Amino acid sequence: MQQNHDLKKRHYQIVGEILSKNWEWVVLTLAALLVFLRVPRILLEGRFWAEDGVLYFRQAYISGNDLGTFLSSEVGYYSLINRIIGYVSGNWLPLDYAPLLHCWVAFFFLLLPVLILLFSKLPGIETSWQKLLGIGLVLFVTPNLETWLSLALSQFHNGLAVALILVSKSDRRWMRWIRYFTLIVAGLNSPFPCFFVPFFWLIWIINRDSEKLLECILLSVFTLIQAWVVISLPDSGLRPLFLSLSFLPYALIVKQFLLAFGGWSFADGHVSELRRIFLENYWLFSWVVPAVYGAIICLIVRYKDKVAGFLFFSGIFVLILSVIGDLGMPNPEARIIYLDVIIGGRYFFVPNMLFFLSLLVLSSNERGIWDKAISLTIKGLLVWVIVVGIFNYNPNSKYAEDFFVGPSWKEEIAKWREDPSYLVHIWPIRKTLQLPPLEQP
């Protein structure tokens, strides 16, 4: 009896030691499981989200093995990964399963920031608990519906990964190659991650680190390729730029504060009043965001925390550039629609993440009693944000309908096979695509 008890005890000890030594892989697996369980249907059945289907897949499917589709940039910039995956799904996969590849590649990009947080050294996010808080922010901070498992919008998770690479290092050789891959893909897939280039060079000038220099060069070279392709390809051109940002403080009140700290219903209940105040008395609440940002800047200066500073200021920088270059809003005055809980959420995802991650880094400064009080307060706020995100993780919420409810691809293809003129519905439901009358082999 005693011998069996000792064997069981030893067995548990061995299992505990294995889990302790490999806790990063355990956490990564749990994070992947959480992503999968939110909407299992997406990764089990597959879906095309907007441009994934109507552009990248459809063009490749119709043109067959014509590589000319790799030289088009209808969305205003070049997207290499989307083109590659669209080409493979449109030519090499059975039609019934074509969307699955898009969803699983988007799954990889969604977990990429988690992977970098776990296996890189990031000052201020070093302990296991700090990393768990950081991962909780990546997975749960609201709003994150629009970018969730969408390959067409995976550029935003790729951009977040680039920002984390900016302020971190890794001694693991395999992780270094993943970081190189992330930077190369970032430059070739969208202009958004390229906005971090100035910050990479600035951090290299400060630290003079040879590894960071290589990362700077990689991101810069492929950013230049992206710029050259965008400018030179026929009928592409640059997106129009508008400098009207008067709506931004109010949009940030909704997207960064009300949603993150109160959730969907709470934020939605205050949007109409904020919109009215914005139109009638702009200055009434426009000071809120500058005041909060000013307090954070004071903490950055107090602690002389370069990492928090880079995260915070790069977040503001990419937000402003993203909103200025938003092709969907040709009229600057119409951007008041950003004072909404849903619209434009993708442009606020990375800035929100960098805002809260900078707070997480600042919370690691615990020199005196006041600093410990500040640290405890910040950690409490971050835990609250994660808890709110968990309670708003429900895919059946009315706010998630456009993003997590849609037609079955197999059923739509079955209808098309019966009637070749049928417009195949994809996600979101209002999107359709026209396939050629005869199914290609």
Protein backbone atom coordinates (compact mmCIF):
# COMPACT_ATOMS: atom_id res chain seq x y z
CA MET A 1 0.00 0.00 0.00
CA GLN A 2 2.74 2.44 1.01
CA GLN A 3 4.73 1.51 -2.08
CA ASN A 4 1.77 2.30 -4.37
CA HIS A 5 1.28 5.62 -2.59
CA ASP A 6 4.97 6.49 -3.08
CA LEU A 7 4.78 5.53 -6.77
CA LYS A 8 1.74 7.77 -7.30
CA LYS A 9 3.44 10.61 -5.45
CA ARG A 10 6.56 10.21 -7.56
CA HIS A 11 4.43 10.06 -10.71
CA TYR A 12 2.73 13.37 -9.82
CA GLN A 13 6.11 14.91 -9.07
CA ILE A 14 7.46 13.90 -12.48
CA VAL A 15 4.37 15.25 -14.23
CA GLY A 16 4.65 18.48 -12.23
CA GLU A 17 8.33 18.87 -13.13
CA ILE A 18 7.58 18.32 -16.83
CA LEU A 19 4.75 20.86 -16.77
CA SER A 20 6.91 23.33 -14.83
CA LYS A 21 9.78 23.07 -17.32
CA ASN A 22 7.44 23.34 -20.29
CA TRP A 23 4.87 25.74 -18.86
CA GLU A 24 5.14 28.04 -21.90
CA TRP A 25 3.96 25.23 -24.20
CA VAL A 26 1.15 24.38 -21.79
CA VAL A 27 -0.01 28.01 -21.79
CA LEU A 28 0.26 28.22 -25.58
CA THR A 29 -1.87 25.08 -25.89
CA LEU A 30 -4.49 26.48 -23.49
CA ALA A 31 -4.54 29.78 -25.41
CA ALA A 32 -5.06 27.89 -28.67
CA LEU A 33 -7.88 25.93 -27.03
CA LEU A 34 -9.57 29.14 -25.86
CA VAL A 35 -9.40 30.57 -29.37
CA PHE A 36 -10.82 27.35 -30.83
CA LEU A 37 -13.65 27.07 -28.31
CA ARG A 38 -14.94 30.59 -28.88
CA VAL A 39 -16.38 29.62 -32.27
CA PRO A 40 -15.35 26.00 -33.08
CA ARG A 41 -17.37 26.11 -36.28
CA ILE A 42 -14.91 28.51 -37.92
CA LEU A 43 -11.98 26.12 -37.62
CA LEU A 44 -14.01 22.93 -38.14
CA GLU A 45 -16.09 23.96 -41.15
CA GLY A 46 -14.14 26.91 -42.48
CA ARG A 47 -15.42 30.26 -43.70
CA PHE A 48 -14.41 32.97 -46.12
CA TRP A 49 -14.42 36.39 -44.50
CA ALA A 50 -15.05 39.27 -46.94
CA GLU A 51 -11.92 39.76 -49.12
CA ASP A 52 -10.71 36.24 -48.30
CA GLY A 53 -13.50 34.96 -50.52
CA VAL A 54 -14.60 37.74 -52.89
CA LEU A 55 -11.05 38.71 -53.80
CA TYR A 56 -8.17 36.37 -52.97
CA PHE A 57 -9.90 33.00 -53.37
CA ARG A 58 -12.20 33.97 -56.25
CA GLN A 59 -9.48 35.51 -58.40
CA ALA A 60 -7.22 32.48 -57.96
CA TYR A 61 -10.11 30.04 -58.57
CA ILE A 62 -11.23 31.75 -61.77
CA SER A 63 -7.73 32.32 -63.18
CA GLY A 64 -6.56 28.81 -62.41
CA ASN A 65 -2.78 28.49 -62.36
CA ASP A 66 -2.24 31.98 -63.74
CA LEU A 67 0.34 33.61 -61.48
CA GLY A 68 -0.78 37.04 -62.60
CA THR A 69 -3.06 37.29 -59.57
CA PHE A 70 0.06 37.75 -57.45
CA LEU A 71 0.64 41.11 -59.14
CA SER A 72 -2.61 42.84 -58.21
CA SER A 73 -3.40 44.99 -55.19
CA GLU A 74 -7.05 46.03 -55.38
CA VAL A 75 -7.23 46.79 -51.65
CA GLY A 76 -4.69 49.59 -52.02
CA TYR A 77 -1.65 47.62 -50.88
CA TYR A 78 0.06 44.28 -51.47
CA SER A 79 -0.91 41.16 -49.47
CA LEU A 80 1.48 38.31 -50.18
CA ILE A 81 0.18 35.79 -47.61
CA ASN A 82 -3.43 36.35 -48.68
CA ARG A 83 -2.39 35.84 -52.30
CA ILE A 84 -0.48 32.65 -51.54
CA ILE A 85 -3.27 31.14 -49.45
CA GLY A 86 -5.89 32.22 -51.99
CA TYR A 87 -3.85 30.61 -54.77
CA VAL A 88 -3.50 27.33 -52.86
CA SER A 89 -7.16 27.18 -51.80
CA GLY A 90 -8.37 28.18 -55.26
CA ASN A 91 -6.24 25.68 -57.21
CA TRP A 92 -5.03 22.84 -55.03
CA LEU A 93 -7.75 22.14 -52.46
CA PRO A 94 -11.16 20.49 -52.92
CA LEU A 95 -13.74 23.26 -53.25
CA ASP A 96 -15.73 22.05 -50.23
CA TYR A 97 -12.72 22.55 -47.94
CA ALA A 98 -11.12 25.64 -49.50
CA PRO A 99 -11.95 28.09 -46.64
CA LEU A 100 -10.33 25.88 -43.98
CA LEU A 101 -6.81 26.85 -45.03
CA HIS A 102 -7.62 30.57 -44.67
CA CYS A 103 -9.04 30.03 -41.18
CA TRP A 104 -6.12 27.95 -39.89
CA VAL A 105 -3.51 30.39 -41.19
CA ALA A 106 -5.49 33.20 -39.50
CA PHE A 107 -5.43 31.03 -36.35
CA PHE A 108 -1.61 30.98 -36.51
CA PHE A 109 -1.41 34.77 -36.87
CA LEU A 110 -3.84 35.28 -33.98
CA LEU A 111 -1.58 33.20 -31.72
CA LEU A 112 1.64 34.78 -33.00
CA PRO A 113 1.68 37.58 -30.35
CA VAL A 114 1.07 34.94 -27.66
CA LEU A 115 4.01 32.91 -28.96
CA ILE A 116 6.30 35.96 -28.90
CA LEU A 117 5.20 36.96 -25.38
CA LEU A 118 5.90 33.47 -24.07
CA PHE A 119 9.26 32.79 -25.72
CA SER A 120 10.87 36.23 -25.82
CA LYS A 121 12.43 38.41 -23.12
CA LEU A 122 10.38 41.57 -22.75
CA PRO A 123 11.39 43.86 -19.85
CA GLY A 124 8.40 44.41 -17.59
CA ILE A 125 6.64 41.26 -18.85
CA GLU A 126 9.10 38.69 -17.59
CA THR A 127 7.53 36.61 -14.82
CA SER A 128 5.00 33.88 -15.53
CA TRP A 129 2.20 35.97 -14.00
CA GLN A 130 3.11 39.03 -16.05
CA LYS A 131 3.12 36.92 -19.21
CA LEU A 132 -0.25 35.40 -18.31
CA LEU A 133 -1.68 38.89 -17.86
CA GLY A 134 -0.24 39.91 -21.23
CA ILE A 135 -1.74 36.86 -22.93
CA GLY A 136 -5.07 37.52 -21.22
CA LEU A 137 -5.03 41.00 -22.74
CA VAL A 138 -4.24 39.65 -26.22
CA LEU A 139 -7.10 37.14 -26.09
CA PHE A 140 -9.80 39.03 -24.26
CA VAL A 141 -9.46 42.82 -24.58
CA THR A 142 -12.55 44.27 -26.25
CA PRO A 143 -13.05 44.98 -29.16
CA ASN A 144 -11.52 42.02 -30.97
CA LEU A 145 -14.44 40.65 -33.02
CA GLU A 146 -13.52 42.03 -36.43
CA THR A 147 -9.98 40.66 -36.48
CA TRP A 148 -10.90 37.27 -35.00
CA LEU A 149 -9.78 34.39 -37.27
CA SER A 150 -9.95 36.54 -40.39
CA LEU A 151 -6.98 36.07 -42.69
CA ALA A 152 -7.86 39.28 -44.55
CA LEU A 153 -7.43 41.18 -41.26
CA SER A 154 -4.59 39.10 -39.78
CA GLN A 155 -2.32 42.06 -40.57
CA PHE A 156 -3.41 43.53 -37.23
CA HIS A 157 -2.25 40.52 -35.22
CA ASN A 158 0.88 40.52 -37.35
CA GLY A 159 1.32 44.20 -36.45
CA LEU A 160 0.91 43.47 -32.74
CA ALA A 161 3.57 40.76 -33.05
CA VAL A 162 5.90 43.29 -34.73
CA ALA A 163 5.36 45.73 -31.84
CA LEU A 164 6.27 43.00 -29.33
CA ILE A 165 9.40 42.14 -31.32
CA LEU A 166 10.32 45.84 -31.19
CA VAL A 167 10.77 45.79 -27.41
CA SER A 168 11.91 42.20 -26.85
CA LYS A 169 14.76 39.78 -27.52
CA SER A 170 15.05 36.01 -27.70
CA ASP A 171 17.97 33.68 -27.06
CA ARG A 172 16.22 30.71 -28.68
CA ARG A 173 17.36 30.10 -32.23
CA TRP A 174 14.00 28.76 -33.45
CA MET A 175 12.25 31.79 -31.95
CA ARG A 176 14.62 34.12 -33.75
CA TRP A 177 13.59 32.57 -37.08
CA ILE A 178 9.93 33.04 -36.20
CA ARG A 179 10.66 36.68 -35.41
CA TYR A 180 12.46 37.11 -38.77
CA PHE A 181 9.53 35.46 -40.56
CA THR A 182 7.10 37.77 -38.76
CA LEU A 183 8.98 40.88 -39.85
CA ILE A 184 9.35 39.74 -43.47
CA VAL A 185 5.69 38.81 -43.78
CA ALA A 186 4.65 42.04 -42.06
CA GLY A 187 6.39 44.14 -44.69
CA LEU A 188 4.98 42.17 -47.61
CA ASN A 189 1.43 41.72 -46.37
CA SER A 190 0.24 45.20 -45.38
CA PRO A 191 1.43 48.75 -44.72
CA PHE A 192 0.08 48.58 -41.14
CA PRO A 193 3.02 46.76 -39.45
CA CYS A 194 5.39 48.96 -41.47
CA PHE A 195 4.35 51.93 -39.33
CA PHE A 196 6.69 50.57 -36.63
CA VAL A 197 9.84 51.04 -38.77
CA PRO A 198 10.85 54.42 -37.23
CA PHE A 199 10.55 52.97 -33.74
CA PHE A 200 12.78 50.00 -34.65
CA TRP A 201 15.53 52.34 -35.81
CA LEU A 202 15.12 54.58 -32.78
CA ILE A 203 15.43 51.66 -30.36
CA TRP A 204 18.51 50.42 -32.24
CA ILE A 205 20.11 53.90 -32.01
CA ILE A 206 19.53 53.80 -28.24
CA ASN A 207 20.74 50.23 -27.62
CA ARG A 208 23.10 49.52 -30.55
CA ASP A 209 22.19 45.85 -30.47
CA SER A 210 23.33 43.76 -33.47
CA GLU A 211 20.29 41.48 -33.34
CA LYS A 212 17.95 44.47 -33.32
CA LEU A 213 19.86 45.94 -36.28
CA LEU A 214 19.12 42.81 -38.31
CA GLU A 215 15.44 43.07 -37.38
CA CYS A 216 15.47 46.75 -38.38
CA ILE A 217 16.97 45.91 -41.76
CA LEU A 218 14.51 43.08 -42.43
CA LEU A 219 11.42 45.15 -41.65
CA SER A 220 12.79 48.19 -43.52
CA VAL A 221 13.74 46.28 -46.68
CA PHE A 222 10.37 44.57 -47.00
CA THR A 223 8.59 47.80 -46.12
CA LEU A 224 10.36 49.43 -49.08
CA ILE A 225 9.25 46.55 -51.29
CA GLN A 226 5.66 47.06 -50.09
CA ALA A 227 5.92 50.79 -50.83
CA TRP A 228 7.37 50.18 -54.28
CA VAL A 229 4.68 47.63 -55.18
CA VAL A 230 1.85 49.88 -53.96
CA ILE A 231 3.12 52.87 -55.92
CA SER A 232 4.13 51.09 -59.11
CA LEU A 233 1.40 48.51 -59.71
CA PRO A 234 -1.20 49.62 -62.26
CA ASP A 235 -4.52 50.87 -60.89
CA SER A 236 -3.34 50.54 -57.30
CA GLY A 237 -2.07 53.91 -56.10
CA LEU A 238 -1.91 55.21 -52.58
CA ARG A 239 -4.95 55.45 -50.35
CA PRO A 240 -6.29 58.99 -49.93
CA LEU A 241 -5.13 60.68 -46.73
CA PHE A 242 -7.36 62.86 -44.54
CA LEU A 243 -6.08 64.75 -41.53
CA SER A 244 -9.39 65.36 -39.75
CA LEU A 245 -9.02 63.71 -36.31
CA SER A 246 -11.50 65.73 -34.25
CA PHE A 247 -13.59 62.62 -33.64
CA LEU A 248 -10.65 60.61 -32.27
CA PRO A 249 -10.86 61.52 -28.53
CA TYR A 250 -14.53 60.52 -28.45
CA ALA A 251 -13.90 57.37 -30.50
CA LEU A 252 -11.17 56.40 -28.03
CA ILE A 253 -13.54 56.99 -25.10
CA VAL A 254 -15.83 54.39 -26.68
CA LYS A 255 -13.31 51.90 -28.07
CA GLN A 256 -10.52 52.10 -25.49
CA PHE A 257 -12.34 52.87 -22.24
CA LEU A 258 -16.08 52.11 -22.32
CA LEU A 259 -15.70 48.85 -24.24
CA ALA A 260 -12.62 47.64 -22.39
CA PHE A 261 -13.82 48.53 -18.89
CA GLY A 262 -17.58 48.07 -19.33
CA GLY A 263 -18.23 45.66 -22.17
CA TRP A 264 -20.55 45.77 -25.17
CA SER A 265 -23.87 46.62 -23.50
CA PHE A 266 -22.38 49.27 -21.22
CA ALA A 267 -20.59 51.02 -24.09
CA ASP A 268 -23.58 50.76 -26.41
CA GLY A 269 -25.77 52.42 -23.79
CA HIS A 270 -23.57 55.54 -23.80
CA VAL A 271 -22.71 55.91 -27.50
CA SER A 272 -25.76 57.95 -28.57
CA GLU A 273 -25.22 60.47 -25.76
CA LEU A 274 -21.49 60.79 -26.56
CA ARG A 275 -22.32 61.33 -30.22
CA ARG A 276 -24.77 64.07 -29.29
CA ILE A 277 -22.21 65.77 -27.02
CA PHE A 278 -19.57 65.52 -29.74
CA LEU A 279 -21.83 67.34 -32.20
CA GLU A 280 -23.18 69.96 -29.79
CA ASN A 281 -20.37 70.58 -27.28
CA TYR A 282 -17.16 68.96 -28.48
CA TRP A 283 -14.96 70.27 -25.64
CA LEU A 284 -17.09 68.77 -22.86
CA PHE A 285 -15.32 65.37 -22.85
CA SER A 286 -12.52 65.86 -25.36
CA TRP A 287 -10.06 66.37 -22.47
CA VAL A 288 -10.57 62.85 -21.03
CA VAL A 289 -8.19 60.97 -23.34
CA PRO A 290 -5.37 63.61 -23.21
CA ALA A 291 -5.67 63.65 -19.40
CA VAL A 292 -5.35 59.85 -19.13
CA TYR A 293 -2.53 59.77 -21.67
CA GLY A 294 -0.80 62.62 -19.84
CA ALA A 295 -0.89 60.63 -16.57
CA ILE A 296 0.66 57.62 -18.33
CA ILE A 297 3.38 59.79 -19.87
CA CYS A 298 4.17 61.12 -16.38
CA LEU A 299 4.64 57.54 -15.15
CA ILE A 300 6.85 56.70 -18.14
CA VAL A 301 9.03 59.73 -17.37
CA ARG A 302 9.03 59.00 -13.63
CA TYR A 303 10.23 55.43 -14.10
CA LYS A 304 12.34 56.23 -17.19
CA ASP A 305 10.75 53.14 -18.71
CA LYS A 306 11.79 52.98 -22.37
CA VAL A 307 9.81 49.80 -23.08
CA ALA A 308 6.53 51.26 -21.81
CA GLY A 309 7.31 54.45 -23.73
CA PHE A 310 7.87 52.63 -27.01
CA LEU A 311 4.69 50.58 -26.61
CA PHE A 312 2.61 53.60 -25.66
CA PHE A 313 3.82 56.08 -28.29
CA SER A 314 3.95 53.55 -31.13
CA GLY A 315 0.33 52.67 -30.34
CA ILE A 316 -0.74 56.31 -30.71
CA PHE A 317 1.36 56.67 -33.87
CA VAL A 318 -0.11 53.64 -35.68
CA LEU A 319 -3.64 54.57 -34.64
CA ILE A 320 -3.35 58.04 -36.15
CA LEU A 321 -1.80 56.74 -39.38
CA SER A 322 -4.39 53.96 -39.64
CA VAL A 323 -7.33 56.32 -39.21
CA ILE A 324 -5.86 58.94 -41.55
CA GLY A 325 -5.39 56.34 -44.27
CA ASP A 326 -8.71 54.53 -43.85
CA LEU A 327 -9.95 54.07 -47.42
CA GLY A 328 -13.49 53.42 -46.28
CA MET A 329 -14.02 57.00 -45.05
CA PRO A 330 -13.39 59.38 -47.99
CA ASN A 331 -15.28 62.14 -46.16
CA PRO A 332 -13.48 63.20 -42.94
CA GLU A 333 -16.73 64.51 -41.43
CA ALA A 334 -18.36 61.09 -41.87
CA ARG A 335 -15.86 59.53 -39.47
CA ILE A 336 -18.22 60.29 -36.61
CA ILE A 337 -19.45 56.75 -37.26
CA TYR A 338 -16.34 55.61 -35.37
CA LEU A 339 -18.30 56.69 -32.27
CA ASP A 340 -19.85 53.23 -32.35
CA VAL A 341 -19.15 50.01 -30.48
CA ILE A 342 -18.62 47.97 -33.67
CA ILE A 343 -17.56 50.12 -36.63
CA GLY A 344 -13.82 50.48 -37.20
CA GLY A 345 -12.87 48.14 -34.34
CA ARG A 346 -9.96 46.71 -36.32
CA TYR A 347 -8.15 50.07 -36.30
CA PHE A 348 -8.33 50.27 -32.51
CA PHE A 349 -7.32 46.68 -31.68
CA VAL A 350 -3.52 47.12 -31.82
CA PRO A 351 -3.47 50.62 -30.24
CA ASN A 352 -5.68 49.31 -27.41
CA MET A 353 -3.35 46.36 -26.92
CA LEU A 354 -0.24 48.55 -26.83
CA PHE A 355 -1.97 50.93 -24.42
CA PHE A 356 -2.73 48.16 -21.93
CA LEU A 357 0.61 46.39 -22.45
CA SER A 358 2.41 49.64 -21.68
CA LEU A 359 0.41 49.78 -18.43
CA LEU A 360 1.44 46.20 -17.68
CA VAL A 361 5.11 47.13 -18.14
CA LEU A 362 4.69 50.20 -15.91
CA SER A 363 3.14 48.03 -13.19
CA SER A 364 6.47 46.19 -12.82
CA ASN A 365 8.03 49.31 -11.24
CA GLU A 366 7.68 48.85 -7.46
CA ARG A 367 10.40 50.97 -5.84
CA GLY A 368 8.61 52.66 -2.94
CA ILE A 369 5.26 52.56 -1.21
CA TRP A 370 3.65 54.97 -3.69
CA ASP A 371 5.02 53.03 -6.63
CA LYS A 372 3.70 49.80 -5.14
CA ALA A 373 0.28 51.40 -4.73
CA ILE A 374 0.36 52.57 -8.35
CA SER A 375 1.50 49.11 -9.46
CA LEU A 376 -1.30 47.40 -7.54
CA THR A 377 -3.88 49.81 -8.96
CA ILE A 378 -2.72 49.23 -12.53
CA LYS A 379 -2.72 45.46 -12.08
CA GLY A 380 -6.22 45.65 -10.64
CA LEU A 381 -7.40 47.63 -13.68
CA LEU A 382 -5.79 45.14 -16.07
CA VAL A 383 -7.38 42.17 -14.30
CA TRP A 384 -10.72 43.97 -14.49
CA VAL A 385 -10.27 44.54 -18.25
CA ILE A 386 -9.51 40.84 -18.74
CA VAL A 387 -12.52 39.79 -16.64
CA VAL A 388 -14.78 42.12 -18.66
CA GLY A 389 -13.34 40.61 -21.84
CA ILE A 390 -14.04 37.09 -20.59
CA PHE A 391 -17.67 37.96 -19.83
CA ASN A 392 -17.93 39.49 -23.32
CA TYR A 393 -16.27 36.51 -25.01
CA ASN A 394 -19.70 35.03 -25.77
CA PRO A 395 -19.99 34.46 -29.55
CA ASN A 396 -23.81 34.47 -29.27
CA SER A 397 -23.96 38.12 -28.22
CA LYS A 398 -25.98 40.39 -30.53
CA TYR A 399 -22.81 42.42 -31.03
CA ALA A 400 -21.00 39.35 -32.38
CA GLU A 401 -23.67 38.30 -34.88
CA ASP A 402 -22.03 39.90 -37.92
CA PHE A 403 -18.72 38.26 -37.12
CA PHE A 404 -19.57 34.85 -35.67
CA VAL A 405 -22.78 33.90 -37.50
CA GLY A 406 -22.82 33.08 -41.18
CA PRO A 407 -23.75 30.58 -43.88
CA SER A 408 -22.30 27.11 -44.25
CA TRP A 409 -19.80 27.08 -47.09
CA LYS A 410 -20.60 23.46 -48.02
CA GLU A 411 -24.33 24.20 -48.17
CA GLU A 412 -23.72 27.28 -50.31
CA ILE A 413 -21.53 25.29 -52.71
CA ALA A 414 -24.22 22.60 -52.93
CA LYS A 415 -26.74 25.29 -53.98
CA TRP A 416 -24.28 26.63 -56.56
CA ARG A 417 -23.78 23.15 -58.03
CA GLU A 418 -27.53 22.84 -58.49
CA ASP A 419 -27.78 26.36 -59.96
CA PRO A 420 -24.49 27.70 -61.41
CA SER A 421 -25.95 31.23 -61.51
CA TYR A 422 -26.44 31.19 -57.73
CA LEU A 423 -24.51 33.85 -55.79
CA VAL A 424 -22.57 32.07 -53.06
CA HIS A 425 -22.98 33.75 -49.66
CA ILE A 426 -19.96 34.09 -47.40
CA TRP A 427 -19.26 35.89 -44.09
CA PRO A 428 -20.47 38.51 -43.25
CA ILE A 429 -23.82 37.42 -44.66
CA ARG A 430 -24.22 40.46 -46.92
CA LYS A 431 -21.14 39.38 -48.95
CA THR A 432 -21.56 37.15 -52.00
CA LEU A 433 -19.29 35.85 -54.72
CA GLN A 434 -20.01 34.61 -58.23
CA LEU A 435 -18.23 31.41 -59.24
CA PRO A 436 -17.90 30.33 -62.90
CA PRO A 437 -20.62 28.01 -64.26
CA LEU A 438 -18.41 24.93 -64.43
CA GLU A 439 -16.48 23.65 -61.41
CA GLN A 440 -12.79 23.42 -62.11
CA PRO A 441 -11.01 20.11 -61.43
